Amino acid sequence: MKKVNRNNGAIDVTTFGGRIKKLRTDAGFTQEELAVKLHLEGKSAISNYENNSRGVSAEMFTQLSRLFHVSADYILNGDTLDNLDPVVNEAIEILNNLKTDKAKQSALAMLRQIQILEG
């Protein structure tokens, strides 16, 4: 029997599990790939996190926040830095959505060049 998706593919980011899933999918990782990056035994731990059926340790919050370049507060509570300039928020979004480390490093190098030109 085929599973029916009742939320039309939308991810519920009101829970920490939903935020983890959104960060993972935005980064282009499968559950298995994320488990490998976090040195976990298998994808079931990631699935349990995303389904809010398993708690996340402080160490895991730290690892997730470093991997996805977000604050642990965002993962835990959904807190964001709303006081940032909208252009800065857009730049962060673009950088977070780049798929490869090479692309991220190239974008960062371009930003550094602009910073140098501004003096």
PDB file of N, CA and C in Angstrom:
ATOM      1  N   MET A   1       0.838  -1.176   0.000  1.00  0.00           N
ATOM      2  CA  MET A   1       0.000   0.000   0.000  1.00  0.00           C
ATOM      3  C   MET A   1       0.888   1.245   0.000  1.00  0.00           C
ATOM      4  N   LYS A   2       0.579   2.200  -0.840  1.00  0.00           N
ATOM      5  CA  LYS A   2       1.367   3.425  -0.952  1.00  0.00           C
ATOM      6  C   LYS A   2       1.019   4.384   0.182  1.00  0.00           C
ATOM      7  N   LYS A   3       2.034   4.975   0.752  1.00  0.00           N
ATOM      8  CA  LYS A   3       1.868   5.944   1.829  1.00  0.00           C
ATOM      9  C   LYS A   3       1.354   7.265   1.258  1.00  0.00           C
ATOM     10  N   VAL A   4       0.338   7.827   1.881  1.00  0.00           N
ATOM     11  CA  VAL A   4      -0.245   9.079   1.424  1.00  0.00           C
ATOM     12  C   VAL A   4       0.433  10.232   2.145  1.00  0.00           C
ATOM     13  N   ASN A   5       0.911  11.197   1.393  1.00  0.00           N
ATOM     14  CA  ASN A   5       1.540  12.382   1.973  1.00  0.00           C
ATOM     15  C   ASN A   5       0.475  13.455   2.140  1.00  0.00           C
ATOM     16  N   ARG A   6       0.083  13.708   3.371  1.00  0.00           N
ATOM     17  CA  ARG A   6      -1.016  14.624   3.647  1.00  0.00           C
ATOM     18  C   ARG A   6      -0.577  16.083   3.752  1.00  0.00           C
ATOM     19  N   ASN A   7       0.706  16.340   3.795  1.00  0.00           N
ATOM     20  CA  ASN A   7       1.145  17.728   3.952  1.00  0.00           C
ATOM     21  C   ASN A   7       1.732  18.307   2.666  1.00  0.00           C
ATOM     22  N   ASN A   8       1.496  17.642   1.544  1.00  0.00           N
ATOM     23  CA  ASN A   8       1.942  18.131   0.231  1.00  0.00           C
ATOM     24  C   ASN A   8       3.440  18.404   0.178  1.00  0.00           C
ATOM     25  N   GLY A   9       4.223  17.643   0.909  1.00  0.00           N
ATOM     26  CA  GLY A   9       5.669  17.801   0.870  1.00  0.00           C
ATOM     27  C   GLY A   9       6.213  18.900   1.749  1.00  0.00           C
ATOM     28  N   ALA A  10       5.346  19.654   2.409  1.00  0.00           N
ATOM     29  CA  ALA A  10       5.807  20.729   3.286  1.00  0.00           C
ATOM     30  C   ALA A  10       6.413  20.132   4.548  1.00  0.00           C
ATOM     31  N   ILE A  11       7.480  20.735   5.010  1.00  0.00           N
ATOM     32  CA  ILE A  11       8.138  20.282   6.234  1.00  0.00           C
ATOM     33  C   ILE A  11       7.704  21.183   7.370  1.00  0.00           C
ATOM     34  N   ASP A  12       7.238  20.569   8.450  1.00  0.00           N
ATOM     35  CA  ASP A  12       6.789  21.308   9.625  1.00  0.00           C
ATOM     36  C   ASP A  12       8.006  21.761  10.420  1.00  0.00           C
ATOM     37  N   VAL A  13       8.365  23.032  10.306  1.00  0.00           N
ATOM     38  CA  VAL A  13       9.549  23.538  10.993  1.00  0.00           C
ATOM     39  C   VAL A  13       9.215  24.098  12.380  1.00  0.00           C
ATOM     40  N   THR A  14       8.022  23.788  12.886  1.00  0.00           N
ATOM     41  CA  THR A  14       7.663  24.229  14.237  1.00  0.00           C
ATOM     42  C   THR A  14       8.217  23.291  15.302  1.00  0.00           C
ATOM     43  N   THR A  15       8.808  22.162  14.883  1.00  0.00           N
ATOM     44  CA  THR A  15       9.416  21.225  15.828  1.00  0.00           C
ATOM     45  C   THR A  15      10.909  21.121  15.536  1.00  0.00           C
ATOM     46  N   PHE A  16      11.679  20.700  16.546  1.00  0.00           N
ATOM     47  CA  PHE A  16      13.128  20.581  16.290  1.00  0.00           C
ATOM     48  C   PHE A  16      13.386  19.519  15.234  1.00  0.00           C
ATOM     49  N   GLY A  17      12.581  18.446  15.214  1.00  0.00           N
ATOM     50  CA  GLY A  17      12.748  17.411  14.197  1.00  0.00           C
ATOM     51  C   GLY A  17      12.488  17.946  12.801  1.00  0.00           C
ATOM     52  N   GLY A  18      11.481  18.779  12.675  1.00  0.00           N
ATOM     53  CA  GLY A  18      11.189  19.387  11.385  1.00  0.00           C
ATOM     54  C   GLY A  18      12.293  20.308  10.922  1.00  0.00           C
ATOM     55  N   ARG A  19      12.874  21.041  11.866  1.00  0.00           N
ATOM     56  CA  ARG A  19      13.983  21.941  11.503  1.00  0.00           C
ATOM     57  C   ARG A  19      15.201  21.129  11.073  1.00  0.00           C
ATOM     58  N   ILE A  20      15.460  20.005  11.746  1.00  0.00           N
ATOM     59  CA  ILE A  20      16.581  19.147  11.341  1.00  0.00           C
ATOM     60  C   ILE A  20      16.327  18.614   9.928  1.00  0.00           C
ATOM     61  N   LYS A  21      15.110  18.149   9.678  1.00  0.00           N
ATOM     62  CA  LYS A  21      14.778  17.624   8.349  1.00  0.00           C
ATOM     63  C   LYS A  21      14.931  18.709   7.284  1.00  0.00           C
ATOM     64  N   LYS A  22      14.462  19.911   7.567  1.00  0.00           N
ATOM     65  CA  LYS A  22      14.561  21.012   6.602  1.00  0.00           C
ATOM     66  C   LYS A  22      16.018  21.347   6.312  1.00  0.00           C
ATOM     67  N   LEU A  23      16.831  21.423   7.366  1.00  0.00           N
ATOM     68  CA  LEU A  23      18.253  21.704   7.171  1.00  0.00           C
ATOM     69  C   LEU A  23      18.905  20.603   6.335  1.00  0.00           C
ATOM     70  N   ARG A  24      18.569  19.349   6.641  1.00  0.00           N
ATOM     71  CA  ARG A  24      19.146  18.206   5.913  1.00  0.00           C
ATOM     72  C   ARG A  24      18.750  18.247   4.443  1.00  0.00           C
ATOM     73  N   THR A  25      17.465  18.427   4.177  1.00  0.00           N
ATOM     74  CA  THR A  25      17.019  18.409   2.782  1.00  0.00           C
ATOM     75  C   THR A  25      17.523  19.631   2.014  1.00  0.00           C
ATOM     76  N   ASP A  26      17.571  20.788   2.673  1.00  0.00           N
ATOM     77  CA  ASP A  26      18.115  21.987   2.020  1.00  0.00           C
ATOM     78  C   ASP A  26      19.579  21.796   1.648  1.00  0.00           C
ATOM     79  N   ALA A  27      20.299  21.039   2.484  1.00  0.00           N
ATOM     80  CA  ALA A  27      21.714  20.773   2.210  1.00  0.00           C
ATOM     81  C   ALA A  27      21.899  19.656   1.184  1.00  0.00           C
ATOM     82  N   GLY A  28      20.806  18.974   0.841  1.00  0.00           N
ATOM     83  CA  GLY A  28      20.883  17.915  -0.163  1.00  0.00           C
ATOM     84  C   GLY A  28      21.355  16.578   0.375  1.00  0.00           C
ATOM     85  N   PHE A  29      21.275  16.378   1.685  1.00  0.00           N
ATOM     86  CA  PHE A  29      21.712  15.120   2.287  1.00  0.00           C
ATOM     87  C   PHE A  29      20.551  14.159   2.435  1.00  0.00           C
ATOM     88  N   THR A  30      20.820  12.875   2.237  1.00  0.00           N
ATOM     89  CA  THR A  30      19.871  11.843   2.633  1.00  0.00           C
ATOM     90  C   THR A  30      20.048  11.620   4.130  1.00  0.00           C
ATOM     91  N   GLN A  31      19.125  10.892   4.736  1.00  0.00           N
ATOM     92  CA  GLN A  31      19.283  10.575   6.159  1.00  0.00           C
ATOM     93  C   GLN A  31      20.560   9.784   6.386  1.00  0.00           C
ATOM     94  N   GLU A  32      20.846   8.872   5.481  1.00  0.00           N
ATOM     95  CA  GLU A  32      22.052   8.055   5.612  1.00  0.00           C
ATOM     96  C   GLU A  32      23.322   8.905   5.507  1.00  0.00           C
ATOM     97  N   GLU A  33      23.354   9.844   4.571  1.00  0.00           N
ATOM     98  CA  GLU A  33      24.522  10.722   4.417  1.00  0.00           C
ATOM     99  C   GLU A  33      24.731  11.576   5.659  1.00  0.00           C
ATOM    100  N   LEU A  34      23.639  12.079   6.220  1.00  0.00           N
ATOM    101  CA  LEU A  34      23.760  12.886   7.441  1.00  0.00           C
ATOM    102  C   LEU A  34      24.260  12.030   8.594  1.00  0.00           C
ATOM    103  N   ALA A  35      23.764  10.811   8.699  1.00  0.00           N
ATOM    104  CA  ALA A  35      24.225   9.911   9.762  1.00  0.00           C
ATOM    105  C   ALA A  35      25.727   9.675   9.658  1.00  0.00           C
ATOM    106  N   VAL A  36      26.232   9.494   8.457  1.00  0.00           N
ATOM    107  CA  VAL A  36      27.670   9.293   8.254  1.00  0.00           C
ATOM    108  C   VAL A  36      28.436  10.535   8.693  1.00  0.00           C
ATOM    109  N   LYS A  37      27.970  11.721   8.302  1.00  0.00           N
ATOM    110  CA  LYS A  37      28.651  12.972   8.670  1.00  0.00           C
ATOM    111  C   LYS A  37      28.677  13.180  10.183  1.00  0.00           C
ATOM    112  N   LEU A  38      27.647  12.659  10.869  1.00  0.00           N
ATOM    113  CA  LEU A  38      27.564  12.819  12.324  1.00  0.00           C
ATOM    114  C   LEU A  38      28.137  11.623  13.080  1.00  0.00           C
ATOM    115  N   HIS A  39      28.716  10.681  12.332  1.00  0.00           N
ATOM    116  CA  HIS A  39      29.333   9.483  12.914  1.00  0.00           C
ATOM    117  C   HIS A  39      28.318   8.645  13.697  1.00  0.00           C
ATOM    118  N   LEU A  40      27.118   8.508  13.133  1.00  0.00           N
ATOM    119  CA  LEU A  40      26.084   7.682  13.735  1.00  0.00           C
ATOM    120  C   LEU A  40      26.039   6.344  13.013  1.00  0.00           C
ATOM    121  N   GLU A  41      25.509   5.333  13.675  1.00  0.00           N
ATOM    122  CA  GLU A  41      25.487   3.973  13.131  1.00  0.00           C
ATOM    123  C   GLU A  41      24.651   3.850  11.854  1.00  0.00           C
ATOM    124  N   GLY A  42      23.538   4.533  11.801  1.00  0.00           N
ATOM    125  CA  GLY A  42      22.684   4.408  10.625  1.00  0.00           C
ATOM    126  C   GLY A  42      21.667   5.525  10.560  1.00  0.00           C
ATOM    127  N   LYS A  43      20.861   5.459   9.507  1.00  0.00           N
ATOM    128  CA  LYS A  43      19.898   6.531   9.275  1.00  0.00           C
ATOM    129  C   LYS A  43      18.731   6.514  10.244  1.00  0.00           C
ATOM    130  N   SER A  44      18.544   5.423  10.994  1.00  0.00           N
ATOM    131  CA  SER A  44      17.398   5.354  11.915  1.00  0.00           C
ATOM    132  C   SER A  44      17.474   6.438  12.984  1.00  0.00           C
ATOM    133  N   ALA A  45      18.677   6.787  13.428  1.00  0.00           N
ATOM    134  CA  ALA A  45      18.816   7.858  14.421  1.00  0.00           C
ATOM    135  C   ALA A  45      18.325   9.178  13.842  1.00  0.00           C
ATOM    136  N   ILE A  46      18.680   9.453  12.596  1.00  0.00           N
ATOM    137  CA  ILE A  46      18.241  10.688  11.945  1.00  0.00           C
ATOM    138  C   ILE A  46      16.718  10.678  11.796  1.00  0.00           C
ATOM    139  N   SER A  47      16.175   9.562  11.380  1.00  0.00           N
ATOM    140  CA  SER A  47      14.722   9.440  11.248  1.00  0.00           C
ATOM    141  C   SER A  47      14.038   9.698  12.584  1.00  0.00           C
ATOM    142  N   ASN A  48      14.594   9.134  13.654  1.00  0.00           N
ATOM    143  CA  ASN A  48      14.015   9.341  14.991  1.00  0.00           C
ATOM    144  C   ASN A  48      14.102  10.800  15.419  1.00  0.00           C
ATOM    145  N   TYR A  49      15.210  11.469  15.091  1.00  0.00           N
ATOM    146  CA  TYR A  49      15.318  12.900  15.395  1.00  0.00           C
ATOM    147  C   TYR A  49      14.230  13.671  14.634  1.00  0.00           C
ATOM    148  N   GLU A  50      14.131  13.389  13.335  1.00  0.00           N
ATOM    149  CA  GLU A  50      13.201  14.128  12.489  1.00  0.00           C
ATOM    150  C   GLU A  50      11.737  13.886  12.861  1.00  0.00           C
ATOM    151  N   ASN A  51      11.457  12.717  13.414  1.00  0.00           N
ATOM    152  CA  ASN A  51      10.090  12.387  13.834  1.00  0.00           C
ATOM    153  C   ASN A  51       9.828  12.767  15.287  1.00  0.00           C
ATOM    154  N   ASN A  52      10.799  13.417  15.904  1.00  0.00           N
ATOM    155  CA  ASN A  52      10.686  13.841  17.304  1.00  0.00           C
ATOM    156  C   ASN A  52      10.448  12.674  18.251  1.00  0.00           C
ATOM    157  N   SER A  53      10.931  11.496  17.883  1.00  0.00           N
ATOM    158  CA  SER A  53      10.765  10.337  18.758  1.00  0.00           C
ATOM    159  C   SER A  53      12.043  10.013  19.526  1.00  0.00           C
ATOM    160  N   ARG A  54      13.080  10.804  19.297  1.00  0.00           N
ATOM    161  CA  ARG A  54      14.343  10.637  20.017  1.00  0.00           C
ATOM    162  C   ARG A  54      14.891  12.018  20.327  1.00  0.00           C
ATOM    163  N   GLY A  55      15.304  12.213  21.557  1.00  0.00           N
ATOM    164  CA  GLY A  55      15.900  13.483  21.947  1.00  0.00           C
ATOM    165  C   GLY A  55      17.285  13.654  21.368  1.00  0.00           C
ATOM    166  N   VAL A  56      17.719  14.891  21.305  1.00  0.00           N
ATOM    167  CA  VAL A  56      19.037  15.222  20.766  1.00  0.00           C
ATOM    168  C   VAL A  56      19.904  15.711  21.918  1.00  0.00           C
ATOM    169  N   SER A  57      21.091  15.134  22.044  1.00  0.00           N
ATOM    170  CA  SER A  57      22.013  15.534  23.102  1.00  0.00           C
ATOM    171  C   SER A  57      22.598  16.911  22.810  1.00  0.00           C
ATOM    172  N   ALA A  58      23.171  17.509  23.837  1.00  0.00           N
ATOM    173  CA  ALA A  58      23.821  18.814  23.666  1.00  0.00           C
ATOM    174  C   ALA A  58      24.946  18.708  22.644  1.00  0.00           C
ATOM    175  N   GLU A  59      25.695  17.622  22.690  1.00  0.00           N
ATOM    176  CA  GLU A  59      26.787  17.414  21.728  1.00  0.00           C
ATOM    177  C   GLU A  59      26.249  17.321  20.305  1.00  0.00           C
ATOM    178  N   MET A  60      25.111  16.636  20.137  1.00  0.00           N
ATOM    179  CA  MET A  60      24.519  16.506  18.801  1.00  0.00           C
ATOM    180  C   MET A  60      24.015  17.860  18.308  1.00  0.00           C
ATOM    181  N   PHE A  61      23.418  18.685  19.200  1.00  0.00           N
ATOM    182  CA  PHE A  61      23.014  20.033  18.800  1.00  0.00           C
ATOM    183  C   PHE A  61      24.220  20.812  18.297  1.00  0.00           C
ATOM    184  N   THR A  62      25.345  20.675  18.997  1.00  0.00           N
ATOM    185  CA  THR A  62      26.566  21.370  18.593  1.00  0.00           C
ATOM    186  C   THR A  62      27.028  20.898  17.224  1.00  0.00           C
ATOM    187  N   GLN A  63      27.037  19.579  17.019  1.00  0.00           N
ATOM    188  CA  GLN A  63      27.465  19.039  15.726  1.00  0.00           C
ATOM    189  C   GLN A  63      26.546  19.491  14.597  1.00  0.00           C
ATOM    190  N   LEU A  64      25.240  19.444  14.838  1.00  0.00           N
ATOM    191  CA  LEU A  64      24.278  19.867  13.810  1.00  0.00           C
ATOM    192  C   LEU A  64      24.423  21.349  13.488  1.00  0.00           C
ATOM    193  N   SER A  65      24.580  22.164  14.526  1.00  0.00           N
ATOM    194  CA  SER A  65      24.690  23.606  14.280  1.00  0.00           C
ATOM    195  C   SER A  65      25.968  23.935  13.510  1.00  0.00           C
ATOM    196  N   ARG A  66      27.044  23.245  13.802  1.00  0.00           N
ATOM    197  CA  ARG A  66      28.291  23.473  13.054  1.00  0.00           C
ATOM    198  C   ARG A  66      28.161  23.008  11.615  1.00  0.00           C
ATOM    199  N   LEU A  67      27.579  21.833  11.436  1.00  0.00           N
ATOM    200  CA  LEU A  67      27.442  21.277  10.091  1.00  0.00           C
ATOM    201  C   LEU A  67      26.578  22.162   9.195  1.00  0.00           C
ATOM    202  N   PHE A  68      25.458  22.661   9.753  1.00  0.00           N
ATOM    203  CA  PHE A  68      24.514  23.438   8.956  1.00  0.00           C
ATOM    204  C   PHE A  68      24.692  24.948   9.104  1.00  0.00           C
ATOM    205  N   HIS A  69      25.670  25.373   9.896  1.00  0.00           N
ATOM    206  CA  HIS A  69      25.967  26.797  10.076  1.00  0.00           C
ATOM    207  C   HIS A  69      24.752  27.582  10.578  1.00  0.00           C
ATOM    208  N   VAL A  70      24.103  27.009  11.580  1.00  0.00           N
ATOM    209  CA  VAL A  70      22.990  27.680  12.256  1.00  0.00           C
ATOM    210  C   VAL A  70      23.262  27.586  13.756  1.00  0.00           C
ATOM    211  N   SER A  71      22.533  28.357  14.530  1.00  0.00           N
ATOM    212  CA  SER A  71      22.721  28.288  15.978  1.00  0.00           C
ATOM    213  C   SER A  71      21.987  27.077  16.539  1.00  0.00           C
ATOM    214  N   ALA A  72      22.488  26.575  17.652  1.00  0.00           N
ATOM    215  CA  ALA A  72      21.791  25.496  18.350  1.00  0.00           C
ATOM    216  C   ALA A  72      20.416  25.982  18.788  1.00  0.00           C
ATOM    217  N   ASP A  73      20.311  27.282  19.114  1.00  0.00           N
ATOM    218  CA  ASP A  73      19.010  27.856  19.476  1.00  0.00           C
ATOM    219  C   ASP A  73      18.011  27.725  18.333  1.00  0.00           C
ATOM    220  N   TYR A  74      18.482  27.884  17.106  1.00  0.00           N
ATOM    221  CA  TYR A  74      17.567  27.714  15.971  1.00  0.00           C
ATOM    222  C   TYR A  74      17.045  26.278  15.922  1.00  0.00           C
ATOM    223  N   ILE A  75      17.937  25.309  16.054  1.00  0.00           N
ATOM    224  CA  ILE A  75      17.508  23.910  15.976  1.00  0.00           C
ATOM    225  C   ILE A  75      16.565  23.577  17.124  1.00  0.00           C
ATOM    226  N   LEU A  76      16.893  24.029  18.312  1.00  0.00           N
ATOM    227  CA  LEU A  76      16.102  23.701  19.490  1.00  0.00           C
ATOM    228  C   LEU A  76      14.780  24.453  19.544  1.00  0.00           C
ATOM    229  N   ASN A  77      14.825  25.751  19.343  1.00  0.00           N
ATOM    230  CA  ASN A  77      13.649  26.599  19.554  1.00  0.00           C
ATOM    231  C   ASN A  77      13.104  27.281  18.312  1.00  0.00           C
ATOM    232  N   GLY A  78      13.845  27.233  17.233  1.00  0.00           N
ATOM    233  CA  GLY A  78      13.426  27.949  16.037  1.00  0.00           C
ATOM    234  C   GLY A  78      13.798  29.410  16.063  1.00  0.00           C
ATOM    235  N   ASP A  79      14.633  29.800  17.044  1.00  0.00           N
ATOM    236  CA  ASP A  79      15.051  31.196  17.166  1.00  0.00           C
ATOM    237  C   ASP A  79      15.973  31.567  16.013  1.00  0.00           C
ATOM    238  N   THR A  80      15.709  32.709  15.413  1.00  0.00           N
ATOM    239  CA  THR A  80      16.549  33.204  14.326  1.00  0.00           C
ATOM    240  C   THR A  80      17.039  34.599  14.662  1.00  0.00           C
ATOM    241  N   LEU A  81      17.965  35.054  13.895  1.00  0.00           N
ATOM    242  CA  LEU A  81      18.499  36.404  14.081  1.00  0.00           C
ATOM    243  C   LEU A  81      17.703  37.364  13.211  1.00  0.00           C
ATOM    244  N   ASP A  82      16.471  37.652  13.640  1.00  0.00           N
ATOM    245  CA  ASP A  82      15.588  38.512  12.857  1.00  0.00           C
ATOM    246  C   ASP A  82      16.096  39.941  12.755  1.00  0.00           C
ATOM    247  N   ASN A  83      17.025  40.299  13.622  1.00  0.00           N
ATOM    248  CA  ASN A  83      17.526  41.667  13.597  1.00  0.00           C
ATOM    249  C   ASN A  83      18.617  41.872  12.550  1.00  0.00           C
ATOM    250  N   LEU A  84      18.983  40.825  11.816  1.00  0.00           N
ATOM    251  CA  LEU A  84      19.987  40.979  10.769  1.00  0.00           C
ATOM    252  C   LEU A  84      19.393  41.714   9.576  1.00  0.00           C
ATOM    253  N   ASP A  85      20.250  42.408   8.884  1.00  0.00           N
ATOM    254  CA  ASP A  85      19.885  43.085   7.648  1.00  0.00           C
ATOM    255  C   ASP A  85      19.323  42.045   6.662  1.00  0.00           C
ATOM    256  N   PRO A  86      18.256  42.353   5.937  1.00  0.00           N
ATOM    257  CA  PRO A  86      17.675  41.403   4.986  1.00  0.00           C
ATOM    258  C   PRO A  86      18.670  40.927   3.925  1.00  0.00           C
ATOM    259  N   VAL A  87      19.594  41.787   3.539  1.00  0.00           N
ATOM    260  CA  VAL A  87      20.612  41.389   2.561  1.00  0.00           C
ATOM    261  C   VAL A  87      21.536  40.339   3.170  1.00  0.00           C
ATOM    262  N   VAL A  88      21.887  40.508   4.443  1.00  0.00           N
ATOM    263  CA  VAL A  88      22.723  39.531   5.140  1.00  0.00           C
ATOM    264  C   VAL A  88      21.979  38.205   5.249  1.00  0.00           C
ATOM    265  N   ASN A  89      20.694  38.254   5.581  1.00  0.00           N
ATOM    266  CA  ASN A  89      19.897  37.029   5.649  1.00  0.00           C
ATOM    267  C   ASN A  89      19.876  36.309   4.304  1.00  0.00           C
ATOM    268  N   GLU A  90      19.735  37.075   3.221  1.00  0.00           N
ATOM    269  CA  GLU A  90      19.720  36.466   1.895  1.00  0.00           C
ATOM    270  C   GLU A  90      21.071  35.836   1.564  1.00  0.00           C
ATOM    271  N   ALA A  91      22.155  36.518   1.925  1.00  0.00           N
ATOM    272  CA  ALA A  91      23.497  35.976   1.685  1.00  0.00           C
ATOM    273  C   ALA A  91      23.692  34.675   2.459  1.00  0.00           C
ATOM    274  N   ILE A  92      23.235  34.650   3.696  1.00  0.00           N
ATOM    275  CA  ILE A  92      23.334  33.432   4.507  1.00  0.00           C
ATOM    276  C   ILE A  92      22.547  32.303   3.859  1.00  0.00           C
ATOM    277  N   GLU A  93      21.352  32.609   3.410  1.00  0.00           N
ATOM    278  CA  GLU A  93      20.502  31.611   2.744  1.00  0.00           C
ATOM    279  C   GLU A  93      21.194  31.050   1.504  1.00  0.00           C
ATOM    280  N   ILE A  94      21.769  31.934   0.700  1.00  0.00           N
ATOM    281  CA  ILE A  94      22.472  31.494  -0.514  1.00  0.00           C
ATOM    282  C   ILE A  94      23.644  30.597  -0.150  1.00  0.00           C
ATOM    283  N   LEU A  95      24.453  31.020   0.814  1.00  0.00           N
ATOM    284  CA  LEU A  95      25.605  30.215   1.217  1.00  0.00           C
ATOM    285  C   LEU A  95      25.170  28.863   1.770  1.00  0.00           C
ATOM    286  N   ASN A  96      24.119  28.840   2.567  1.00  0.00           N
ATOM    287  CA  ASN A  96      23.631  27.580   3.131  1.00  0.00           C
ATOM    288  C   ASN A  96      23.119  26.633   2.063  1.00  0.00           C
ATOM    289  N   ASN A  97      22.644  27.169   0.949  1.00  0.00           N
ATOM    290  CA  ASN A  97      22.079  26.322  -0.092  1.00  0.00           C
ATOM    291  C   ASN A  97      23.106  25.847  -1.119  1.00  0.00           C
ATOM    292  N   LEU A  98      24.327  26.359  -1.051  1.00  0.00           N
ATOM    293  CA  LEU A  98      25.368  25.868  -1.956  1.00  0.00           C
ATOM    294  C   LEU A  98      25.686  24.421  -1.595  1.00  0.00           C
ATOM    295  N   LYS A  99      25.849  23.595  -2.603  1.00  0.00           N
ATOM    296  CA  LYS A  99      25.960  22.152  -2.382  1.00  0.00           C
ATOM    297  C   LYS A  99      27.373  21.660  -2.053  1.00  0.00           C
ATOM    298  N   THR A 100      28.388  22.304  -2.588  1.00  0.00           N
ATOM    299  CA  THR A 100      29.743  21.781  -2.405  1.00  0.00           C
ATOM    300  C   THR A 100      30.599  22.742  -1.585  1.00  0.00           C
ATOM    301  N   ASP A 101      31.596  22.189  -0.930  1.00  0.00           N
ATOM    302  CA  ASP A 101      32.535  23.017  -0.186  1.00  0.00           C
ATOM    303  C   ASP A 101      33.284  23.958  -1.122  1.00  0.00           C
ATOM    304  N   LYS A 102      33.569  23.494  -2.341  1.00  0.00           N
ATOM    305  CA  LYS A 102      34.278  24.323  -3.310  1.00  0.00           C
ATOM    306  C   LYS A 102      33.447  25.557  -3.665  1.00  0.00           C
ATOM    307  N   ALA A 103      32.146  25.377  -3.859  1.00  0.00           N
ATOM    308  CA  ALA A 103      31.273  26.510  -4.173  1.00  0.00           C
ATOM    309  C   ALA A 103      31.206  27.470  -2.996  1.00  0.00           C
ATOM    310  N   LYS A 104      31.137  26.938  -1.786  1.00  0.00           N
ATOM    311  CA  LYS A 104      31.084  27.785  -0.596  1.00  0.00           C
ATOM    312  C   LYS A 104      32.373  28.586  -0.441  1.00  0.00           C
ATOM    313  N   GLN A 105      33.506  27.942  -0.666  1.00  0.00           N
ATOM    314  CA  GLN A 105      34.794  28.621  -0.562  1.00  0.00           C
ATOM    315  C   GLN A 105      34.938  29.702  -1.636  1.00  0.00           C
ATOM    316  N   SER A 106      34.444  29.417  -2.840  1.00  0.00           N
ATOM    317  CA  SER A 106      34.495  30.408  -3.921  1.00  0.00           C
ATOM    318  C   SER A 106      33.643  31.625  -3.584  1.00  0.00           C
ATOM    319  N   ALA A 107      32.443  31.381  -3.060  1.00  0.00           N
ATOM    320  CA  ALA A 107      31.566  32.487  -2.680  1.00  0.00           C
ATOM    321  C   ALA A 107      32.193  33.309  -1.571  1.00  0.00           C
ATOM    322  N   LEU A 108      32.801  32.651  -0.609  1.00  0.00           N
ATOM    323  CA  LEU A 108      33.459  33.351   0.491  1.00  0.00           C
ATOM    324  C   LEU A 108      34.637  34.182  -0.016  1.00  0.00           C
ATOM    325  N   ALA A 109      35.388  33.640  -0.955  1.00  0.00           N
ATOM    326  CA  ALA A 109      36.511  34.390  -1.537  1.00  0.00           C
ATOM    327  C   ALA A 109      36.015  35.647  -2.247  1.00  0.00           C
ATOM    328  N   MET A 110      34.883  35.539  -2.947  1.00  0.00           N
ATOM    329  CA  MET A 110      34.311  36.712  -3.618  1.00  0.00           C
ATOM    330  C   MET A 110      33.885  37.765  -2.604  1.00  0.00           C
ATOM    331  N   LEU A 111      33.273  37.343  -1.529  1.00  0.00           N
ATOM    332  CA  LEU A 111      32.868  38.287  -0.489  1.00  0.00           C
ATOM    333  C   LEU A 111      34.076  38.983   0.132  1.00  0.00           C
ATOM    334  N   ARG A 112      35.151  38.234   0.322  1.00  0.00           N
ATOM    335  CA  ARG A 112      36.373  38.840   0.871  1.00  0.00           C
ATOM    336  C   ARG A 112      36.938  39.887  -0.077  1.00  0.00           C
ATOM    337  N   GLN A 113      36.884  39.624  -1.392  1.00  0.00           N
ATOM    338  CA  GLN A 113      37.365  40.595  -2.376  1.00  0.00           C
ATOM    339  C   GLN A 113      36.537  41.870  -2.317  1.00  0.00           C
ATOM    340  N   ILE A 114      35.230  41.718  -2.189  1.00  0.00           N
ATOM    341  CA  ILE A 114      34.351  42.895  -2.091  1.00  0.00           C
ATOM    342  C   ILE A 114      34.681  43.676  -0.828  1.00  0.00           C
ATOM    343  N   GLN A 115      34.936  42.941   0.259  1.00  0.00           N
ATOM    344  CA  GLN A 115      35.287  43.590   1.533  1.00  0.00           C
ATOM    345  C   GLN A 115      36.584  44.403   1.373  1.00  0.00           C
ATOM    346  N   ILE A 116      37.554  43.862   0.667  1.00  0.00           N
ATOM    347  CA  ILE A 116      38.827  44.558   0.442  1.00  0.00           C
ATOM    348  C   ILE A 116      38.592  45.804  -0.400  1.00  0.00           C
ATOM    349  N   LEU A 117      37.752  45.696  -1.438  1.00  0.00           N
ATOM    350  CA  LEU A 117      37.474  46.860  -2.308  1.00  0.00           C
ATOM    351  C   LEU A 117      36.776  47.973  -1.546  1.00  0.00           C
ATOM    352  N   GLU A 118      35.947  47.605  -0.562  1.00  0.00           N
ATOM    353  CA  GLU A 118      35.259  48.627   0.221  1.00  0.00           C
ATOM    354  C   GLU A 118      36.192  49.340   1.177  1.00  0.00           C
ATOM    355  N   GLY A 119      37.323  48.700   1.466  1.00  0.00           N
ATOM    356  CA  GLY A 119      38.339  49.306   2.322  1.00  0.00           C
ATOM    357  C   GLY A 119      37.939  49.340   3.724  1.00  0.00           C
TER     358      GLY A 119
END
